[in-house]
Amino acid sequence: MKGQVAAAGFLNGKRATTNSSAYDLLNPYCAEVISARVVRDGNTVTGAGVTASIDLGLYLVEMLTSTEIVLQVQQKLEYPYYEAGNLKDVYMHTKR
């Protein structure tokens, strides 16, 4: 799906991420591919793949609500890995 979004031009001039196996495929369609769990560029937020989808979801919850709310959601999900209060444009750099 992300490939279709990218090919349609939604990532033109933006930084983005995807599953590490698809970095080369995403590269022609965005300004920069970043090795991270979540990347935000303006109103566009991309995630690194299946295992990063929980981080992406929690990031969006925090972005749209508050740290207090995301902590409640995180607790209900029993997912201790999300770093609440860390809403940077590049969330959790990963190794390439």
Protein backbone atom coordinates (compact mmCIF):
# COMPACT_ATOMS: atom_id res chain seq x y z
CA MET A 1 0.00 0.00 0.00
CA LYS A 2 2.76 2.50 0.86
CA GLY A 3 4.24 1.96 -2.59
CA GLN A 4 0.97 3.02 -4.17
CA VAL A 5 0.75 6.08 -1.91
CA ALA A 6 4.33 7.00 -2.82
CA ALA A 7 3.83 6.40 -6.55
CA ALA A 8 0.73 8.62 -6.44
CA GLY A 9 2.95 11.49 -5.31
CA PHE A 10 1.85 11.81 -1.67
CA LEU A 11 5.46 11.55 -0.47
CA ASN A 12 7.05 13.91 -3.02
CA GLY A 13 9.55 16.13 -1.23
CA LYS A 14 8.92 14.42 2.11
CA ARG A 15 10.98 12.26 4.43
CA ALA A 16 9.48 8.83 5.02
CA THR A 17 10.13 5.31 6.26
CA THR A 18 8.99 1.81 5.37
CA ASN A 19 10.03 -1.76 6.01
CA SER A 20 13.80 -2.00 5.62
CA SER A 21 13.43 -4.49 2.77
CA ALA A 22 11.68 -1.77 0.71
CA TYR A 23 13.97 1.24 1.27
CA ASP A 24 15.29 1.06 -2.30
CA LEU A 25 11.74 0.87 -3.68
CA LEU A 26 10.60 3.93 -1.70
CA ASN A 27 13.68 6.04 -2.42
CA PRO A 28 12.61 7.39 -5.86
CA TYR A 29 9.31 8.66 -4.46
CA CYS A 30 10.37 10.76 -1.48
CA ALA A 31 13.03 13.28 -0.49
CA GLU A 32 14.72 10.94 2.00
CA VAL A 33 14.17 7.43 3.33
CA ILE A 34 14.90 7.37 7.05
CA SER A 35 15.68 4.25 9.03
CA ALA A 36 13.24 4.68 11.94
CA ARG A 37 10.06 3.18 13.41
CA VAL A 38 8.01 6.32 12.66
CA VAL A 39 8.72 9.41 10.55
CA ARG A 40 6.58 12.55 10.48
CA ASP A 41 6.99 15.19 7.80
CA GLY A 42 4.32 17.84 8.16
CA ASN A 43 0.94 16.11 8.16
CA THR A 44 2.36 12.91 6.68
CA VAL A 45 3.28 10.11 9.07
CA THR A 46 4.83 6.83 7.89
CA GLY A 47 5.72 3.64 9.76
CA ALA A 48 8.42 1.06 9.29
CA GLY A 49 6.26 -2.01 8.77
CA VAL A 50 4.16 -4.56 10.56
CA THR A 51 5.95 -4.61 13.91
CA ALA A 52 6.14 -0.80 13.97
CA SER A 53 2.39 -0.45 13.45
CA ILE A 54 1.71 -0.38 17.20
CA ASP A 55 4.31 2.37 17.63
CA LEU A 56 2.77 4.23 14.69
CA GLY A 57 -0.72 3.92 16.17
CA LEU A 58 0.40 5.12 19.59
CA TYR A 59 2.36 7.97 17.99
CA LEU A 60 -0.82 9.09 16.18
CA VAL A 61 -2.88 8.83 19.37
CA GLU A 62 -0.36 11.01 21.20
CA MET A 63 -0.08 13.44 18.29
CA LEU A 64 -3.86 13.88 18.11
CA THR A 65 -4.59 13.85 21.85
CA SER A 66 -2.00 14.03 24.63
CA THR A 67 0.74 12.14 26.43
CA GLU A 68 -1.72 11.36 29.23
CA ILE A 69 -4.16 9.69 26.83
CA VAL A 70 -1.49 7.70 25.00
CA LEU A 71 -0.18 6.40 28.33
CA GLN A 72 -3.67 5.10 29.12
CA VAL A 73 -3.95 3.42 25.71
CA GLN A 74 -0.44 2.00 26.03
CA GLN A 75 -1.29 0.50 29.41
CA LYS A 76 -4.49 -1.11 28.06
CA LEU A 77 -2.51 -2.58 25.15
CA GLU A 78 0.11 -3.90 27.58
CA TYR A 79 2.76 -2.57 25.21
CA PRO A 80 5.71 -1.22 27.24
CA TYR A 81 7.98 -0.28 24.32
CA TYR A 82 6.44 3.00 23.12
CA GLU A 83 8.29 6.06 24.47
CA ALA A 84 5.50 8.49 25.34
CA GLY A 85 6.40 12.17 25.50
CA ASN A 86 8.89 11.80 22.65
CA LEU A 87 6.99 13.28 19.68
CA LYS A 88 9.92 14.03 17.42
CA ASP A 89 9.69 14.02 13.63
CA VAL A 90 11.88 10.91 13.62
CA TYR A 91 10.80 8.41 16.29
CA MET A 92 13.12 5.55 17.31
CA HIS A 93 15.93 5.46 14.75
CA THR A 94 16.78 1.93 13.66
CA LYS A 95 19.98 0.45 12.26
CA ARG A 96 20.38 0.16 8.52
